[in-house]
Amino acid sequence: MSVDHYENFPVASALLPRRLRPAVATIYWFARTADDFADEGDHLPAERLARLDAYRTELARITEGRVPQAPRFVELAAVIRGYDLPIEPFRDLLDAFSQDVLKQRYGTFDEVLDYCRRSANPVGRLMLHLYGAAAPGDLVRSDAICTALQLVNFWQDVALDWRKGRIYLPEDEMTRFGVSEKHVAEARADDAWQRLMAFQTSRTRALLESGAPLARTLPGRIGWELRIVVQGGLRILERIDRVRGDVFRRRPALRAPDWPLMLWRAAFSRIP
């Protein structure tokens, strides 16, 4: 697990049952490559959207029972059929990545949450379906965890997203705290910026903790996997708070010494 650039996806980790690793790797391929269409390289927006539309066409072939044209989509179709996965999470991911091409600012937190619903929550939902643990209450808690982890990524990567032309901080909240885009452009971590970031990390922590009990109710390896994912997100939030929100000069990231602490907390902490 890494909390960094499709970081919330546990890709065939040691804790995943061996039988699920090929399926997880195939789903990760879909998410990672589609996300790269929106973010990587020097392609024009029209070309990025066209590549995402090509993925939509392949998904349509799968839902219509036709054979996909791309070999990797043949593999994905087998995973979807074999585990009876819903197709909607895959479509939601593509919608979110298309939005990244077209939308660079978010007026309210509700807009950010709507983006997270499509960019992050599908990952957790697909994992629960793979494990056969997609009860309604579990899906709600999974959504809370995945949305929170997406927010963690936004707050640690403010500077990186700025270089891509994006700001995920809600504009109305920036105004409320006396923060403007100049703060981001100038890497200005003054008192106003620190208060804004403290507000974001506090709210994100509460959201992450609200979903964390899921890691205790799920059995075996998936529970352990999720506990470590949650602890990784909480650890990044701690690091953001430690630098008083100055993610410009000291981008918070997990380091080797964090892992023993995270494992200890996963085993003994009440959260989760």
C-alpha atoms as a PDB file:
ATOM      1  CA  MET A   1       0.000   0.000   0.000  1.00  0.00           C
ATOM      2  CA  SER A   2       1.126   3.484  -0.707  1.00  0.00           C
ATOM      3  CA  VAL A   3      -0.791   6.689  -0.164  1.00  0.00           C
ATOM      4  CA  ASP A   4       0.538   8.221  -3.334  1.00  0.00           C
ATOM      5  CA  HIS A   5      -0.743   8.264  -6.974  1.00  0.00           C
ATOM      6  CA  TYR A   6      -3.353   5.525  -7.237  1.00  0.00           C
ATOM      7  CA  GLU A   7      -1.999   5.102  -3.799  1.00  0.00           C
ATOM      8  CA  ASN A   8      -5.159   3.949  -2.174  1.00  0.00           C
ATOM      9  CA  PHE A   9      -5.178   0.758  -4.210  1.00  0.00           C
ATOM     10  CA  PRO A  10      -3.534  -2.273  -2.535  1.00  0.00           C
ATOM     11  CA  VAL A  11      -1.887  -3.808  -5.568  1.00  0.00           C
ATOM     12  CA  ALA A  12      -1.327  -7.536  -5.087  1.00  0.00           C
ATOM     13  CA  SER A  13       0.216  -6.932  -1.678  1.00  0.00           C
ATOM     14  CA  ALA A  14       1.461  -9.706   0.577  1.00  0.00           C
ATOM     15  CA  LEU A  15      -1.771  -9.527   2.561  1.00  0.00           C
ATOM     16  CA  LEU A  16      -3.986 -10.209  -0.440  1.00  0.00           C
ATOM     17  CA  PRO A  17      -5.004 -13.842  -0.899  1.00  0.00           C
ATOM     18  CA  ARG A  18      -3.024 -15.292  -3.773  1.00  0.00           C
ATOM     19  CA  ARG A  19      -6.193 -16.247  -5.654  1.00  0.00           C
ATOM     20  CA  LEU A  20      -7.266 -12.580  -5.828  1.00  0.00           C
ATOM     21  CA  ARG A  21      -3.971 -11.040  -6.906  1.00  0.00           C
ATOM     22  CA  PRO A  22      -4.481 -11.503 -10.677  1.00  0.00           C
ATOM     23  CA  ALA A  23      -7.951  -9.942 -10.454  1.00  0.00           C
ATOM     24  CA  VAL A  24      -6.697  -7.009  -8.396  1.00  0.00           C
ATOM     25  CA  ALA A  25      -3.790  -6.473 -10.787  1.00  0.00           C
ATOM     26  CA  THR A  26      -6.181  -6.410 -13.759  1.00  0.00           C
ATOM     27  CA  ILE A  27      -8.500  -3.907 -12.097  1.00  0.00           C
ATOM     28  CA  TYR A  28      -5.489  -1.813 -11.127  1.00  0.00           C
ATOM     29  CA  TRP A  29      -4.289  -1.849 -14.742  1.00  0.00           C
ATOM     30  CA  PHE A  30      -7.646  -0.449 -15.830  1.00  0.00           C
ATOM     31  CA  ALA A  31      -7.647   2.293 -13.194  1.00  0.00           C
ATOM     32  CA  ARG A  32      -3.984   3.200 -13.531  1.00  0.00           C
ATOM     33  CA  THR A  33      -3.875   3.438 -17.311  1.00  0.00           C
ATOM     34  CA  ALA A  34      -7.158   5.339 -17.536  1.00  0.00           C
ATOM     35  CA  ASP A  35      -5.957   7.789 -14.880  1.00  0.00           C
ATOM     36  CA  ASP A  36      -2.734   8.296 -16.817  1.00  0.00           C
ATOM     37  CA  PHE A  37      -4.748   9.213 -19.913  1.00  0.00           C
ATOM     38  CA  ALA A  38      -6.060  12.205 -17.957  1.00  0.00           C
ATOM     39  CA  ASP A  39      -2.818  13.158 -16.203  1.00  0.00           C
ATOM     40  CA  GLU A  40       0.335  12.050 -17.937  1.00  0.00           C
ATOM     41  CA  GLY A  41       2.158  13.222 -21.033  1.00  0.00           C
ATOM     42  CA  ASP A  42       1.581  16.261 -23.235  1.00  0.00           C
ATOM     43  CA  HIS A  43      -1.576  15.166 -24.995  1.00  0.00           C
ATOM     44  CA  LEU A  44      -4.299  17.648 -25.894  1.00  0.00           C
ATOM     45  CA  PRO A  45      -7.596  17.399 -23.986  1.00  0.00           C
ATOM     46  CA  ALA A  46      -9.410  16.010 -27.025  1.00  0.00           C
ATOM     47  CA  GLU A  47      -6.929  13.140 -27.314  1.00  0.00           C
ATOM     48  CA  ARG A  48      -7.167  12.375 -23.603  1.00  0.00           C
ATOM     49  CA  LEU A  49     -10.951  12.230 -23.782  1.00  0.00           C
ATOM     50  CA  ALA A  50     -10.822  10.069 -26.910  1.00  0.00           C
ATOM     51  CA  ARG A  51      -8.658   7.505 -25.134  1.00  0.00           C
ATOM     52  CA  LEU A  52     -11.075   7.405 -22.216  1.00  0.00           C
ATOM     53  CA  ASP A  53     -13.965   7.011 -24.651  1.00  0.00           C
ATOM     54  CA  ALA A  54     -12.179   4.013 -26.166  1.00  0.00           C
ATOM     55  CA  TYR A  55     -12.221   2.411 -22.720  1.00  0.00           C
ATOM     56  CA  ARG A  56     -15.946   3.164 -22.454  1.00  0.00           C
ATOM     57  CA  THR A  57     -16.486   1.397 -25.772  1.00  0.00           C
ATOM     58  CA  GLU A  58     -14.697  -1.687 -24.494  1.00  0.00           C
ATOM     59  CA  LEU A  59     -16.774  -1.642 -21.300  1.00  0.00           C
ATOM     60  CA  ALA A  60     -19.904  -1.472 -23.447  1.00  0.00           C
ATOM     61  CA  ARG A  61     -18.780  -4.579 -25.333  1.00  0.00           C
ATOM     62  CA  ILE A  62     -18.402  -6.373 -22.008  1.00  0.00           C
ATOM     63  CA  THR A  63     -21.860  -5.367 -20.749  1.00  0.00           C
ATOM     64  CA  GLU A  64     -23.427  -6.372 -24.081  1.00  0.00           C
ATOM     65  CA  GLY A  65     -21.802  -9.791 -23.950  1.00  0.00           C
ATOM     66  CA  ARG A  66     -19.513  -9.119 -26.908  1.00  0.00           C
ATOM     67  CA  VAL A  67     -15.805  -9.923 -27.015  1.00  0.00           C
ATOM     68  CA  PRO A  68     -13.629  -6.847 -26.321  1.00  0.00           C
ATOM     69  CA  GLN A  69     -11.103  -5.908 -28.987  1.00  0.00           C
ATOM     70  CA  ALA A  70      -8.171  -5.186 -26.647  1.00  0.00           C
ATOM     71  CA  PRO A  71      -6.532  -8.242 -25.007  1.00  0.00           C
ATOM     72  CA  ARG A  72      -6.358  -6.615 -21.589  1.00  0.00           C
ATOM     73  CA  PHE A  73     -10.098  -5.973 -21.748  1.00  0.00           C
ATOM     74  CA  VAL A  74     -10.619  -9.659 -22.492  1.00  0.00           C
ATOM     75  CA  GLU A  75      -8.842 -10.287 -19.180  1.00  0.00           C
ATOM     76  CA  LEU A  76     -10.973  -7.642 -17.482  1.00  0.00           C
ATOM     77  CA  ALA A  77     -14.149  -9.206 -18.879  1.00  0.00           C
ATOM     78  CA  ALA A  78     -13.118 -12.556 -17.387  1.00  0.00           C
ATOM     79  CA  VAL A  79     -12.561 -10.918 -13.988  1.00  0.00           C
ATOM     80  CA  ILE A  80     -15.911  -9.123 -14.136  1.00  0.00           C
ATOM     81  CA  ARG A  81     -17.734 -12.329 -15.044  1.00  0.00           C
ATOM     82  CA  GLY A  82     -15.767 -14.538 -12.679  1.00  0.00           C
ATOM     83  CA  TYR A  83     -16.452 -12.390  -9.635  1.00  0.00           C
ATOM     84  CA  ASP A  84     -19.819 -10.997 -10.752  1.00  0.00           C
ATOM     85  CA  LEU A  85     -18.484  -7.440 -10.455  1.00  0.00           C
ATOM     86  CA  PRO A  86     -20.760  -4.473 -11.142  1.00  0.00           C
ATOM     87  CA  ILE A  87     -19.833  -2.450 -14.210  1.00  0.00           C
ATOM     88  CA  GLU A  88     -20.828   0.921 -12.737  1.00  0.00           C
ATOM     89  CA  PRO A  89     -17.626   1.433 -10.682  1.00  0.00           C
ATOM     90  CA  PHE A  90     -15.558   1.139 -13.866  1.00  0.00           C
ATOM     91  CA  ARG A  91     -17.747   3.709 -15.610  1.00  0.00           C
ATOM     92  CA  ASP A  92     -17.533   6.011 -12.599  1.00  0.00           C
ATOM     93  CA  LEU A  93     -13.743   5.921 -12.718  1.00  0.00           C
ATOM     94  CA  LEU A  94     -13.765   6.917 -16.377  1.00  0.00           C
ATOM     95  CA  ASP A  95     -16.191   9.761 -15.639  1.00  0.00           C
ATOM     96  CA  ALA A  96     -13.903  11.059 -12.896  1.00  0.00           C
ATOM     97  CA  PHE A  97     -10.843  10.916 -15.110  1.00  0.00           C
ATOM     98  CA  SER A  98     -12.700  12.733 -17.881  1.00  0.00           C
ATOM     99  CA  GLN A  99     -13.654  15.378 -15.339  1.00  0.00           C
ATOM    100  CA  ASP A 100      -9.974  15.848 -14.529  1.00  0.00           C
ATOM    101  CA  VAL A 101      -9.436  16.826 -18.156  1.00  0.00           C
ATOM    102  CA  LEU A 102     -12.287  19.337 -18.175  1.00  0.00           C
ATOM    103  CA  LYS A 103     -12.595  20.713 -14.649  1.00  0.00           C
ATOM    104  CA  GLN A 104      -9.769  22.443 -12.782  1.00  0.00           C
ATOM    105  CA  ARG A 105     -11.563  24.180  -9.877  1.00  0.00           C
ATOM    106  CA  TYR A 106     -14.142  23.142  -7.291  1.00  0.00           C
ATOM    107  CA  GLY A 107     -16.519  25.696  -5.861  1.00  0.00           C
ATOM    108  CA  THR A 108     -17.738  23.736  -2.836  1.00  0.00           C
ATOM    109  CA  PHE A 109     -16.863  20.709  -0.761  1.00  0.00           C
ATOM    110  CA  ASP A 110     -19.940  18.946  -2.124  1.00  0.00           C
ATOM    111  CA  GLU A 111     -18.396  19.183  -5.597  1.00  0.00           C
ATOM    112  CA  VAL A 112     -15.209  17.631  -4.279  1.00  0.00           C
ATOM    113  CA  LEU A 113     -17.178  14.836  -2.622  1.00  0.00           C
ATOM    114  CA  ASP A 114     -19.011  14.139  -5.878  1.00  0.00           C
ATOM    115  CA  TYR A 115     -15.671  13.778  -7.614  1.00  0.00           C
ATOM    116  CA  CYS A 116     -14.405  11.427  -4.872  1.00  0.00           C
ATOM    117  CA  ARG A 117     -17.567   9.352  -5.235  1.00  0.00           C
ATOM    118  CA  ARG A 118     -16.453   8.524  -8.764  1.00  0.00           C
ATOM    119  CA  SER A 119     -12.664   8.719  -8.507  1.00  0.00           C
ATOM    120  CA  ALA A 120     -12.017   6.819  -5.262  1.00  0.00           C
ATOM    121  CA  ASN A 121     -15.084   5.026  -3.946  1.00  0.00           C
ATOM    122  CA  PRO A 122     -15.305   2.586  -6.887  1.00  0.00           C
ATOM    123  CA  VAL A 123     -11.964   1.104  -5.850  1.00  0.00           C
ATOM    124  CA  GLY A 124     -13.190   0.116  -2.410  1.00  0.00           C
ATOM    125  CA  ARG A 125     -16.479  -1.151  -3.765  1.00  0.00           C
ATOM    126  CA  LEU A 126     -14.756  -3.388  -6.282  1.00  0.00           C
ATOM    127  CA  MET A 127     -12.470  -4.781  -3.585  1.00  0.00           C
ATOM    128  CA  LEU A 128     -15.451  -5.619  -1.379  1.00  0.00           C
ATOM    129  CA  HIS A 129     -17.173  -7.353  -4.270  1.00  0.00           C
ATOM    130  CA  LEU A 130     -14.025  -9.377  -4.929  1.00  0.00           C
ATOM    131  CA  TYR A 131     -14.043 -10.512  -1.311  1.00  0.00           C
ATOM    132  CA  GLY A 132     -17.778 -11.220  -1.350  1.00  0.00           C
ATOM    133  CA  ALA A 133     -18.300  -8.649   1.407  1.00  0.00           C
ATOM    134  CA  ALA A 134     -20.382  -5.982  -0.319  1.00  0.00           C
ATOM    135  CA  ALA A 135     -23.158  -5.606   2.254  1.00  0.00           C
ATOM    136  CA  PRO A 136     -24.863  -2.160   2.133  1.00  0.00           C
ATOM    137  CA  GLY A 137     -23.419  -0.998   5.454  1.00  0.00           C
ATOM    138  CA  ASP A 138     -19.944  -2.135   4.471  1.00  0.00           C
ATOM    139  CA  LEU A 139     -20.172  -0.217   1.208  1.00  0.00           C
ATOM    140  CA  VAL A 140     -21.060   2.983   3.083  1.00  0.00           C
ATOM    141  CA  ARG A 141     -18.058   2.620   5.394  1.00  0.00           C
ATOM    142  CA  SER A 142     -15.834   1.744   2.460  1.00  0.00           C
ATOM    143  CA  ASP A 143     -16.972   4.921   0.690  1.00  0.00           C
ATOM    144  CA  ALA A 144     -16.004   6.962   3.759  1.00  0.00           C
ATOM    145  CA  ILE A 145     -12.529   5.435   3.819  1.00  0.00           C
ATOM    146  CA  CYS A 146     -11.916   5.833   0.091  1.00  0.00           C
ATOM    147  CA  THR A 147     -13.197   9.404  -0.047  1.00  0.00           C
ATOM    148  CA  ALA A 148     -11.023  10.310   2.937  1.00  0.00           C
ATOM    149  CA  LEU A 149      -7.961   8.742   1.334  1.00  0.00           C
ATOM    150  CA  GLN A 150      -8.613  10.693  -1.862  1.00  0.00           C
ATOM    151  CA  LEU A 151      -8.798  13.876   0.221  1.00  0.00           C
ATOM    152  CA  VAL A 152      -5.538  12.959   1.945  1.00  0.00           C
ATOM    153  CA  ASN A 153      -3.980  12.737  -1.499  1.00  0.00           C
ATOM    154  CA  PHE A 154      -5.369  16.140  -2.457  1.00  0.00           C
ATOM    155  CA  TRP A 155      -3.976  17.857   0.640  1.00  0.00           C
ATOM    156  CA  GLN A 156      -0.518  16.304   0.365  1.00  0.00           C
ATOM    157  CA  ASP A 157      -0.332  17.061  -3.373  1.00  0.00           C
ATOM    158  CA  VAL A 158      -1.554  20.649  -3.548  1.00  0.00           C
ATOM    159  CA  ALA A 159       1.690  21.739  -5.218  1.00  0.00           C
ATOM    160  CA  LEU A 160       1.736  18.802  -7.643  1.00  0.00           C
ATOM    161  CA  ASP A 161      -1.869  19.380  -8.680  1.00  0.00           C
ATOM    162  CA  TRP A 162      -1.157  23.096  -9.154  1.00  0.00           C
ATOM    163  CA  ARG A 163       1.505  22.213 -11.719  1.00  0.00           C
ATOM    164  CA  LYS A 164      -1.198  20.257 -13.551  1.00  0.00           C
ATOM    165  CA  GLY A 165      -3.450  23.311 -13.458  1.00  0.00           C
ATOM    166  CA  ARG A 166      -5.792  21.980 -10.766  1.00  0.00           C
ATOM    167  CA  ILE A 167      -6.881  23.001  -7.285  1.00  0.00           C
ATOM    168  CA  TYR A 168      -9.099  20.631  -5.328  1.00  0.00           C
ATOM    169  CA  LEU A 169      -9.443  22.887  -2.293  1.00  0.00           C
ATOM    170  CA  PRO A 170     -13.043  24.200  -2.313  1.00  0.00           C
ATOM    171  CA  GLU A 171     -13.094  27.821  -3.438  1.00  0.00           C
ATOM    172  CA  ASP A 172     -15.703  28.883  -0.881  1.00  0.00           C
ATOM    173  CA  GLU A 173     -13.593  27.486   1.962  1.00  0.00           C
ATOM    174  CA  MET A 174     -10.464  29.162   0.637  1.00  0.00           C
ATOM    175  CA  THR A 175     -12.343  32.457   0.699  1.00  0.00           C
ATOM    176  CA  ARG A 176     -13.653  31.809   4.216  1.00  0.00           C
ATOM    177  CA  PHE A 177     -10.106  31.330   5.539  1.00  0.00           C
ATOM    178  CA  GLY A 178      -8.644  34.252   3.584  1.00  0.00           C
ATOM    179  CA  VAL A 179      -6.712  32.083   1.146  1.00  0.00           C
ATOM    180  CA  SER A 180      -6.396  32.754  -2.574  1.00  0.00           C
ATOM    181  CA  GLU A 181      -4.767  30.964  -5.481  1.00  0.00           C
ATOM    182  CA  LYS A 182      -1.738  33.186  -4.926  1.00  0.00           C
ATOM    183  CA  HIS A 183      -1.006  31.171  -1.808  1.00  0.00           C
ATOM    184  CA  VAL A 184      -0.618  28.077  -3.971  1.00  0.00           C
ATOM    185  CA  ALA A 185       1.215  29.824  -6.791  1.00  0.00           C
ATOM    186  CA  GLU A 186       3.665  31.417  -4.348  1.00  0.00           C
ATOM    187  CA  ALA A 187       3.873  28.409  -1.991  1.00  0.00           C
ATOM    188  CA  ARG A 188       2.784  30.749   0.790  1.00  0.00           C
ATOM    189  CA  ALA A 189       2.069  28.831   4.009  1.00  0.00           C
ATOM    190  CA  ASP A 190       1.045  31.767   6.205  1.00  0.00           C
ATOM    191  CA  ASP A 191      -1.392  31.725   9.126  1.00  0.00           C
ATOM    192  CA  ALA A 192      -4.441  31.762   6.856  1.00  0.00           C
ATOM    193  CA  TRP A 193      -3.125  28.805   4.874  1.00  0.00           C
ATOM    194  CA  GLN A 194      -2.294  26.902   8.048  1.00  0.00           C
ATOM    195  CA  ARG A 195      -5.821  27.391   9.395  1.00  0.00           C
ATOM    196  CA  LEU A 196      -7.329  26.211   6.101  1.00  0.00           C
ATOM    197  CA  MET A 197      -5.177  23.093   6.027  1.00  0.00           C
ATOM    198  CA  ALA A 198      -5.843  22.312   9.685  1.00  0.00           C
ATOM    199  CA  PHE A 199      -9.555  22.463   8.916  1.00  0.00           C
ATOM    200  CA  GLN A 200      -9.137  20.104   5.958  1.00  0.00           C
ATOM    201  CA  THR A 201      -7.037  17.543   7.841  1.00  0.00           C
ATOM    202  CA  SER A 202      -9.400  17.574  10.840  1.00  0.00           C
ATOM    203  CA  ARG A 203     -12.471  16.938   8.687  1.00  0.00           C
ATOM    204  CA  THR A 204     -10.668  14.313   6.638  1.00  0.00           C
ATOM    205  CA  ARG A 205      -9.491  12.511   9.763  1.00  0.00           C
ATOM    206  CA  ALA A 206     -13.037  12.376  11.105  1.00  0.00           C
ATOM    207  CA  LEU A 207     -14.299  10.945   7.821  1.00  0.00           C
ATOM    208  CA  LEU A 208     -11.552   8.332   7.727  1.00  0.00           C
ATOM    209  CA  GLU A 209     -12.221   7.303  11.308  1.00  0.00           C
ATOM    210  CA  SER A 210     -15.962   7.034  10.611  1.00  0.00           C
ATOM    211  CA  GLY A 211     -15.291   4.291   8.077  1.00  0.00           C
ATOM    212  CA  ALA A 212     -12.462   2.620   9.974  1.00  0.00           C
ATOM    213  CA  PRO A 213     -14.649   0.136  11.940  1.00  0.00           C
ATOM    214  CA  LEU A 214     -15.102  -1.715   8.645  1.00  0.00           C
ATOM    215  CA  ALA A 215     -11.552  -2.991   9.053  1.00  0.00           C
ATOM    216  CA  ARG A 216     -12.516  -4.703  12.300  1.00  0.00           C
ATOM    217  CA  THR A 217     -15.684  -6.299  10.968  1.00  0.00           C
ATOM    218  CA  LEU A 218     -14.141  -7.753   7.815  1.00  0.00           C
ATOM    219  CA  PRO A 219     -12.428 -11.067   8.466  1.00  0.00           C
ATOM    220  CA  GLY A 220      -8.916 -12.244   7.808  1.00  0.00           C
ATOM    221  CA  ARG A 221      -6.560 -10.654   5.344  1.00  0.00           C
ATOM    222  CA  ILE A 222      -8.939  -8.052   3.962  1.00  0.00           C
ATOM    223  CA  GLY A 223      -9.387  -6.674   7.460  1.00  0.00           C
ATOM    224  CA  TRP A 224      -5.642  -6.423   7.997  1.00  0.00           C
ATOM    225  CA  GLU A 225      -5.124  -4.908   4.566  1.00  0.00           C
ATOM    226  CA  LEU A 226      -7.728  -2.251   5.308  1.00  0.00           C
ATOM    227  CA  ARG A 227      -6.353  -1.482   8.771  1.00  0.00           C
ATOM    228  CA  ILE A 228      -2.951  -0.716   7.284  1.00  0.00           C
ATOM    229  CA  VAL A 229      -4.509   1.401   4.515  1.00  0.00           C
ATOM    230  CA  VAL A 230      -6.392   3.432   7.123  1.00  0.00           C
ATOM    231  CA  GLN A 231      -3.300   3.848   9.270  1.00  0.00           C
ATOM    232  CA  GLY A 232      -1.356   5.027   6.219  1.00  0.00           C
ATOM    233  CA  GLY A 233      -3.917   7.747   5.594  1.00  0.00           C
ATOM    234  CA  LEU A 234      -3.913   8.807   9.248  1.00  0.00           C
ATOM    235  CA  ARG A 235      -0.130   8.913   9.259  1.00  0.00           C
ATOM    236  CA  ILE A 236      -0.059  11.244   6.250  1.00  0.00           C
ATOM    237  CA  LEU A 237      -2.541  13.542   7.996  1.00  0.00           C
ATOM    238  CA  GLU A 238      -0.264  13.595  11.034  1.00  0.00           C
ATOM    239  CA  ARG A 239       2.641  14.601   8.842  1.00  0.00           C
ATOM    240  CA  ILE A 240       0.632  17.401   7.218  1.00  0.00           C
ATOM    241  CA  ASP A 241      -0.297  18.722  10.652  1.00  0.00           C
ATOM    242  CA  ARG A 242       3.304  18.415  11.835  1.00  0.00           C
ATOM    243  CA  VAL A 243       4.516  20.790   9.097  1.00  0.00           C
ATOM    244  CA  ARG A 244       1.533  23.089   9.783  1.00  0.00           C
ATOM    245  CA  GLY A 245       0.132  22.514   6.338  1.00  0.00           C
ATOM    246  CA  ASP A 246       3.275  23.542   4.483  1.00  0.00           C
ATOM    247  CA  VAL A 247       3.035  20.815   1.862  1.00  0.00           C
ATOM    248  CA  PHE A 248       4.943  22.991  -0.596  1.00  0.00           C
ATOM    249  CA  ARG A 249       8.380  22.567   0.960  1.00  0.00           C
ATOM    250  CA  ARG A 250       7.893  19.319   2.851  1.00  0.00           C
ATOM    251  CA  ARG A 251       5.548  17.048   0.968  1.00  0.00           C
ATOM    252  CA  PRO A 252       4.308  14.509   3.512  1.00  0.00           C
ATOM    253  CA  ALA A 253       5.009  10.920   2.526  1.00  0.00           C
ATOM    254  CA  LEU A 254       5.284   7.533   4.196  1.00  0.00           C
ATOM    255  CA  ARG A 255       8.822   6.491   5.002  1.00  0.00           C
ATOM    256  CA  ALA A 256      10.395   3.254   6.182  1.00  0.00           C
ATOM    257  CA  PRO A 257      10.211   4.158   9.910  1.00  0.00           C
ATOM    258  CA  ASP A 258       6.455   4.693   9.574  1.00  0.00           C
ATOM    259  CA  TRP A 259       5.721   1.057   8.810  1.00  0.00           C
ATOM    260  CA  PRO A 260       6.443  -0.455  12.242  1.00  0.00           C
ATOM    261  CA  LEU A 261       4.280   2.258  13.816  1.00  0.00           C
ATOM    262  CA  MET A 262       1.476   1.669  11.331  1.00  0.00           C
ATOM    263  CA  LEU A 263       1.595  -2.080  11.878  1.00  0.00           C
ATOM    264  CA  TRP A 264       1.511  -1.604  15.646  1.00  0.00           C
ATOM    265  CA  ARG A 265      -1.445   0.742  15.385  1.00  0.00           C
ATOM    266  CA  ALA A 266      -3.208  -1.610  12.990  1.00  0.00           C
ATOM    267  CA  ALA A 267      -2.884  -4.361  15.588  1.00  0.00           C
ATOM    268  CA  PHE A 268      -3.653  -2.448  18.782  1.00  0.00           C
ATOM    269  CA  SER A 269      -5.236   0.918  18.026  1.00  0.00           C
ATOM    270  CA  ARG A 270      -8.935   1.407  18.549  1.00  0.00           C
ATOM    271  CA  ILE A 271      -8.996   3.212  15.196  1.00  0.00           C
ATOM    272  CA  PRO A 272      -9.780   1.063  13.465  1.00  0.00           C
END
